[in-house]
Amino acid sequence: MQNALTLLCAWAFTLLTTLHTNGQRPDFSDDVYYNSTFTFETGFSFGGMNCLTDLGGKKGIGKSFIGDVNFKNTELCGSIFFAEHYKNVVSFRTEFTWGVVKASDNVLSSVKETTLGRYERNLNFYSTVFEIMAAVEIHPLYISQKYGPNQKLHRFSPYLMGGLGFFVYNPRTQLNGAWINLQPLRTEGQGFTEYPDRKPYKLKQFNFPIGGGVRFKLIPNINISAECVYRILNTDYLDDVSTNYVERKLFRKYLDPTIVGNAEALYDRQREINPNHVTNVGDIRGNPKKNDSYFSLSFKVGILF
């Protein structure tokens, strides 16, 4: 995190220096930056990151997509990027993003009577996310325009983007004040012979970012943008929750004795709320029909050269 903040500070210093140097340029249509077939841009972003998983959400049994986002779970994120623009129409972007995703069933405490056991499930997770993606931006306002010195330049340019990403995550939770990694505990029997359809999930995976934004040309060589990027995932285990409760005694059969106690305590936390609760093997823990996802809302600053 400290290294990420250092990089962001460096980019901010570069931006301020450039603004001071170029702030007196009155001509928005600057030939140096906009009448070349290819232009290049580097910059940074900052904003918020959130996720859609089996945990938390809003009242009721859970809605689809954005309808179940609980913005109380939003955490900070940031990125640095490099882009190549072709005739103002298409941009090819490489971006490194750092952020945090989290969700907790206890966020439903004020509406627990409506959640049909989601609040009482009492699970939560927290994970840092490191992501690198390659994406393509399309700027529709320029598609039908003839490129050249007389091309009309738009101060505002909405765009769509999509690409391929690779991210690293590690769901954790707290137990007695200590942070515990959840993936090694195999809380839903991943890799157990008794559950052949449940494979251990990987902490390094590909994703598919899609989204859009609006770019604003502040001065000839400075762009600012507002952007939303949604990541489609191939896993339902961003939060370590997907399907049904397993038989408790299996943890002692398959796990190292040093982590068995953590697995037994964290695979089912309903007794922390109701000491008399009895969980049966096969009871619903999550919904395997929908994969998890995460998204970011960010403000971007770019310097053209």
Protein backbone atom coordinates (compact mmCIF):
# COMPACT_ATOMS: atom_id res chain seq x y z
CA MET A 1 0.00 0.00 0.00
CA GLN A 2 2.84 2.39 0.84
CA ASN A 3 4.43 1.81 -2.58
CA ALA A 4 1.07 2.46 -4.30
CA LEU A 5 0.68 5.76 -2.44
CA THR A 6 4.23 6.76 -3.42
CA LEU A 7 3.44 6.12 -7.10
CA LEU A 8 0.23 8.14 -6.89
CA CYS A 9 2.08 11.05 -5.28
CA ALA A 10 4.68 10.95 -8.08
CA TRP A 11 1.96 11.06 -10.73
CA ALA A 12 0.24 13.95 -8.93
CA PHE A 13 3.52 15.92 -8.85
CA THR A 14 3.99 15.32 -12.59
CA LEU A 15 0.44 16.49 -13.25
CA LEU A 16 0.86 19.70 -11.26
CA THR A 17 4.14 20.47 -13.03
CA THR A 18 2.52 19.94 -16.45
CA LEU A 19 -0.46 22.11 -15.55
CA HIS A 20 1.85 24.92 -14.51
CA THR A 21 3.89 24.62 -17.72
CA ASN A 22 0.95 24.41 -20.12
CA GLY A 23 -1.76 26.33 -18.31
CA GLN A 24 -1.30 29.41 -20.55
CA ARG A 25 -2.08 27.59 -23.82
CA PRO A 26 -5.30 29.19 -25.11
CA ASP A 27 -5.77 26.99 -28.18
CA PHE A 28 -7.69 23.82 -27.43
CA SER A 29 -7.00 22.34 -30.88
CA ASP A 30 -3.31 21.76 -30.35
CA ASP A 31 -1.64 20.18 -33.41
CA VAL A 32 1.14 18.58 -31.38
CA TYR A 33 -1.27 16.47 -29.34
CA TYR A 34 -4.31 15.94 -31.52
CA ASN A 35 -3.28 15.93 -35.16
CA SER A 36 -1.03 12.91 -34.93
CA THR A 37 -2.38 9.51 -35.92
CA PHE A 38 -1.20 8.08 -32.61
CA THR A 39 -0.99 9.88 -29.28
CA PHE A 40 0.06 8.43 -25.95
CA GLU A 41 -1.24 9.00 -22.45
CA THR A 42 -0.18 8.05 -18.95
CA GLY A 43 -1.90 8.81 -15.68
CA PHE A 44 -3.56 7.62 -12.52
CA SER A 45 -7.00 7.15 -11.00
CA PHE A 46 -8.58 7.01 -7.58
CA GLY A 47 -12.07 6.05 -6.46
CA GLY A 48 -14.11 3.34 -4.78
CA MET A 49 -14.37 -0.44 -5.19
CA ASN A 50 -17.27 -2.70 -4.24
CA CYS A 51 -18.41 -6.24 -4.96
CA LEU A 52 -21.45 -8.43 -5.55
CA THR A 53 -21.12 -11.75 -3.72
CA ASP A 54 -23.25 -14.14 -1.67
CA LEU A 55 -22.64 -12.11 1.48
CA GLY A 56 -24.28 -8.92 2.68
CA GLY A 57 -26.45 -7.08 0.21
CA LYS A 58 -29.76 -5.41 0.94
CA LYS A 59 -33.05 -6.43 2.49
CA GLY A 60 -35.00 -9.48 1.39
CA ILE A 61 -33.51 -12.63 -0.12
CA GLY A 62 -31.21 -10.71 -2.45
CA LYS A 63 -31.78 -9.04 -5.79
CA SER A 64 -29.99 -9.34 -9.11
CA PHE A 65 -26.96 -7.30 -10.11
CA ILE A 66 -26.86 -3.68 -8.98
CA GLY A 67 -30.09 -4.05 -6.98
CA ASP A 68 -28.21 -5.89 -4.20
CA VAL A 69 -25.20 -3.56 -3.90
CA ASN A 70 -24.67 -2.23 -0.40
CA PHE A 71 -22.58 0.92 -0.75
CA LYS A 72 -21.56 0.73 2.92
CA ASN A 73 -19.01 -1.85 1.77
CA THR A 74 -17.24 0.53 -0.64
CA GLU A 75 -13.47 0.77 -0.14
CA LEU A 76 -10.77 2.90 -1.78
CA CYS A 77 -8.99 1.87 -4.96
CA GLY A 78 -6.37 3.41 -7.23
CA SER A 79 -4.55 2.70 -10.46
CA ILE A 80 -1.85 3.78 -12.88
CA PHE A 81 -2.29 3.37 -16.62
CA PHE A 82 -0.72 3.81 -20.04
CA ALA A 83 -2.79 4.27 -23.20
CA GLU A 84 -2.26 4.61 -26.94
CA HIS A 85 -4.94 6.52 -28.89
CA TYR A 86 -5.58 5.98 -32.60
CA LYS A 87 -7.23 8.91 -34.44
CA ASN A 88 -9.18 9.78 -31.26
CA VAL A 89 -11.54 6.85 -32.01
CA VAL A 90 -9.89 3.80 -30.45
CA SER A 91 -7.65 3.60 -27.41
CA PHE A 92 -5.57 0.65 -26.23
CA ARG A 93 -4.98 0.75 -22.48
CA THR A 94 -2.89 -1.17 -19.98
CA GLU A 95 -3.75 -0.53 -16.33
CA PHE A 96 -2.63 -1.74 -12.92
CA THR A 97 -5.25 -1.43 -10.17
CA TRP A 98 -5.10 -1.90 -6.43
CA GLY A 99 -8.24 -2.04 -4.29
CA VAL A 100 -10.16 -3.73 -1.50
CA VAL A 101 -13.36 -5.78 -1.61
CA LYS A 102 -15.37 -6.82 1.42
CA ALA A 103 -18.84 -7.96 2.43
CA SER A 104 -20.51 -8.92 5.68
CA ASP A 105 -23.87 -10.37 6.63
CA ASN A 106 -24.05 -8.16 9.71
CA VAL A 107 -24.66 -5.14 7.44
CA LEU A 108 -28.21 -6.53 7.28
CA SER A 109 -28.84 -6.12 11.01
CA SER A 110 -31.38 -3.32 10.55
CA VAL A 111 -33.47 -5.43 8.12
CA LYS A 112 -32.73 -8.90 9.49
CA GLU A 113 -36.42 -9.82 9.74
CA THR A 114 -36.64 -9.74 5.91
CA THR A 115 -33.49 -11.66 4.98
CA LEU A 116 -34.64 -15.27 5.58
CA GLY A 117 -31.45 -16.27 7.38
CA ARG A 118 -28.87 -14.24 5.48
CA TYR A 119 -28.20 -12.06 8.50
CA GLU A 120 -28.10 -15.07 10.85
CA ARG A 121 -25.57 -16.80 8.57
CA ASN A 122 -23.11 -14.29 10.05
CA LEU A 123 -20.28 -14.69 7.53
CA ASN A 124 -17.92 -12.00 6.25
CA PHE A 125 -14.76 -11.56 4.20
CA TYR A 126 -12.12 -8.97 3.32
CA SER A 127 -9.58 -9.09 0.50
CA THR A 128 -7.09 -6.84 -1.22
CA VAL A 129 -7.20 -7.05 -5.02
CA PHE A 130 -4.27 -6.55 -7.37
CA GLU A 131 -5.22 -6.44 -11.04
CA ILE A 132 -3.61 -5.82 -14.39
CA MET A 133 -5.78 -5.46 -17.46
CA ALA A 134 -5.53 -4.76 -21.17
CA ALA A 135 -8.55 -2.95 -22.53
CA VAL A 136 -9.90 -1.23 -25.64
CA GLU A 137 -11.86 2.03 -25.51
CA ILE A 138 -14.27 3.12 -28.26
CA HIS A 139 -15.20 6.82 -28.56
CA PRO A 140 -18.43 6.90 -30.63
CA LEU A 141 -18.47 10.67 -31.30
CA TYR A 142 -15.36 10.32 -33.49
CA ILE A 143 -16.35 7.20 -35.48
CA SER A 144 -18.10 9.02 -38.33
CA GLN A 145 -15.72 11.96 -38.46
CA LYS A 146 -12.99 12.36 -41.04
CA TYR A 147 -9.63 12.43 -39.31
CA GLY A 148 -7.27 15.33 -40.02
CA PRO A 149 -6.31 18.88 -39.07
CA ASN A 150 -9.94 20.05 -39.34
CA GLN A 151 -11.44 17.25 -37.28
CA LYS A 152 -13.94 18.55 -34.74
CA LEU A 153 -12.62 17.97 -31.24
CA HIS A 154 -15.12 17.22 -28.52
CA ARG A 155 -14.44 18.59 -25.07
CA PHE A 156 -16.62 15.77 -23.68
CA SER A 157 -16.26 12.29 -25.16
CA PRO A 158 -18.30 9.35 -23.76
CA TYR A 159 -16.73 5.95 -24.33
CA LEU A 160 -17.22 2.23 -23.88
CA MET A 161 -14.46 -0.16 -22.85
CA GLY A 162 -13.80 -3.87 -22.49
CA GLY A 163 -10.85 -6.19 -22.18
CA LEU A 164 -9.10 -8.97 -20.31
CA GLY A 165 -7.72 -8.81 -16.80
CA PHE A 166 -5.73 -10.92 -14.39
CA PHE A 167 -6.24 -10.44 -10.67
CA VAL A 168 -4.91 -11.75 -7.37
CA TYR A 169 -7.03 -11.90 -4.23
CA ASN A 170 -7.10 -13.67 -0.87
CA PRO A 171 -10.36 -13.79 1.15
CA ARG A 172 -9.79 -13.44 4.90
CA THR A 173 -11.83 -12.99 8.04
CA GLN A 174 -11.18 -12.29 11.69
CA LEU A 175 -11.32 -14.84 14.49
CA ASN A 176 -10.49 -13.79 18.05
CA GLY A 177 -8.79 -10.66 16.73
CA ALA A 178 -6.54 -12.46 14.23
CA TRP A 179 -6.84 -12.40 10.44
CA ILE A 180 -7.36 -15.91 9.00
CA ASN A 181 -6.90 -16.90 5.34
CA LEU A 182 -10.06 -18.74 4.28
CA GLN A 183 -8.99 -20.57 1.13
CA PRO A 184 -6.73 -23.14 2.89
CA LEU A 185 -9.61 -24.05 5.25
CA ARG A 186 -11.73 -25.47 2.39
CA THR A 187 -14.85 -24.33 4.22
CA GLU A 188 -17.23 -25.93 1.70
CA GLY A 189 -15.35 -29.19 1.29
CA GLN A 190 -13.34 -28.15 -1.78
CA GLY A 191 -11.11 -31.08 -2.72
CA PHE A 192 -12.83 -33.53 -0.35
CA THR A 193 -13.64 -36.94 -1.88
CA GLU A 194 -17.19 -36.65 -0.54
CA TYR A 195 -17.73 -33.54 -2.72
CA PRO A 196 -16.13 -34.35 -6.09
CA ASP A 197 -17.80 -31.39 -7.81
CA ARG A 198 -16.18 -28.86 -5.46
CA LYS A 199 -12.67 -28.07 -6.61
CA PRO A 200 -10.21 -25.85 -4.66
CA TYR A 201 -10.42 -22.34 -6.06
CA LYS A 202 -7.38 -20.42 -7.25
CA LEU A 203 -6.32 -17.07 -5.82
CA LYS A 204 -4.96 -15.91 -9.19
CA GLN A 205 -7.53 -15.75 -11.97
CA PHE A 206 -8.57 -14.04 -15.19
CA ASN A 207 -11.51 -11.65 -15.34
CA PHE A 208 -13.37 -9.73 -18.03
CA PRO A 209 -13.65 -5.98 -17.36
CA ILE A 210 -16.40 -4.06 -19.15
CA GLY A 211 -17.60 -0.52 -18.60
CA GLY A 212 -17.64 3.03 -19.79
CA GLY A 213 -17.04 6.61 -18.91
CA VAL A 214 -16.85 10.21 -20.02
CA ARG A 215 -13.56 11.90 -20.92
CA PHE A 216 -13.12 15.67 -20.61
CA LYS A 217 -10.22 17.49 -22.27
CA LEU A 218 -9.13 19.98 -19.62
CA ILE A 219 -6.30 21.56 -21.64
CA PRO A 220 -4.51 20.26 -24.78
CA ASN A 221 -2.42 17.67 -22.97
CA ILE A 222 -4.54 16.90 -19.89
CA ASN A 223 -7.57 14.57 -19.85
CA ILE A 224 -9.82 13.90 -16.89
CA SER A 225 -12.42 11.13 -16.87
CA ALA A 226 -15.14 9.58 -14.76
CA GLU A 227 -15.36 5.83 -15.29
CA CYS A 228 -17.17 2.71 -14.08
CA VAL A 229 -15.64 -0.73 -14.68
CA TYR A 230 -17.45 -3.99 -13.86
CA ARG A 231 -15.46 -7.23 -13.67
CA ILE A 232 -17.06 -10.50 -14.77
CA LEU A 233 -15.46 -13.37 -12.84
CA ASN A 234 -15.14 -17.11 -13.44
CA THR A 235 -15.44 -17.88 -9.73
CA ASP A 236 -18.14 -17.83 -7.07
CA TYR A 237 -15.50 -17.85 -4.34
CA LEU A 238 -14.41 -14.21 -4.20
CA ASP A 239 -16.00 -14.29 -0.72
CA ASP A 240 -15.26 -17.99 0.03
CA VAL A 241 -19.01 -18.72 -0.08
CA SER A 242 -20.86 -20.58 -2.84
CA THR A 243 -22.98 -23.59 -2.00
CA ASN A 244 -23.99 -25.77 1.02
CA TYR A 245 -22.71 -26.62 4.48
CA VAL A 246 -20.57 -29.75 4.76
CA GLU A 247 -20.14 -32.33 7.47
CA ARG A 248 -18.05 -30.86 10.28
CA LYS A 249 -15.99 -33.99 11.02
CA LEU A 250 -14.50 -33.98 7.50
CA PHE A 251 -12.17 -31.12 8.38
CA ARG A 252 -10.25 -33.41 10.74
CA LYS A 253 -10.02 -36.01 7.99
CA TYR A 254 -8.49 -33.75 5.35
CA LEU A 255 -6.86 -30.70 6.93
CA ASP A 256 -3.61 -30.17 8.76
CA PRO A 257 -4.28 -30.35 12.52
CA THR A 258 -2.93 -26.81 12.96
CA ILE A 259 -5.84 -25.29 10.99
CA VAL A 260 -8.68 -27.68 11.81
CA GLY A 261 -9.85 -25.51 14.70
CA ASN A 262 -10.08 -22.45 12.44
CA ALA A 263 -12.05 -24.39 9.82
CA GLU A 264 -14.53 -25.71 12.39
CA ALA A 265 -15.04 -22.22 13.79
CA LEU A 266 -15.36 -20.37 10.48
CA TYR A 267 -17.27 -22.65 8.12
CA ASP A 268 -20.43 -22.05 10.19
CA ARG A 269 -20.74 -18.96 12.43
CA GLN A 270 -24.47 -19.04 13.09
CA ARG A 271 -24.04 -20.06 16.73
CA GLU A 272 -22.27 -16.78 17.42
CA ILE A 273 -25.69 -15.14 17.05
CA ASN A 274 -27.90 -18.03 18.22
CA PRO A 275 -26.10 -20.56 20.48
CA ASN A 276 -29.02 -22.96 20.07
CA HIS A 277 -28.88 -23.03 16.28
CA VAL A 278 -28.42 -26.44 14.64
CA THR A 279 -26.93 -26.56 11.13
CA ASN A 280 -27.67 -29.62 9.02
CA VAL A 281 -25.41 -30.97 6.29
CA GLY A 282 -26.67 -29.60 2.99
CA ASP A 283 -28.24 -26.44 4.41
CA ILE A 284 -27.87 -23.43 2.13
CA ARG A 285 -24.67 -21.44 2.62
CA GLY A 286 -24.56 -19.63 -0.73
CA ASN A 287 -25.98 -19.56 -4.25
CA PRO A 288 -23.81 -21.43 -6.79
CA LYS A 289 -25.95 -20.30 -9.72
CA LYS A 290 -24.36 -16.85 -9.83
CA ASN A 291 -20.65 -16.05 -9.91
CA ASP A 292 -19.28 -13.19 -7.84
CA SER A 293 -18.10 -9.90 -9.33
CA TYR A 294 -16.51 -6.62 -8.33
CA PHE A 295 -16.55 -3.13 -9.78
CA SER A 296 -14.96 0.28 -9.41
CA LEU A 297 -16.08 3.89 -9.80
CA SER A 298 -13.09 6.14 -10.39
CA PHE A 299 -11.84 9.56 -11.37
CA LYS A 300 -8.93 9.47 -13.85
CA VAL A 301 -6.27 12.01 -14.74
CA GLY A 302 -4.16 11.53 -17.88
CA ILE A 303 -1.22 13.38 -19.44
CA LEU A 304 -0.82 13.23 -23.23
CA PHE A 305 2.58 13.18 -24.89
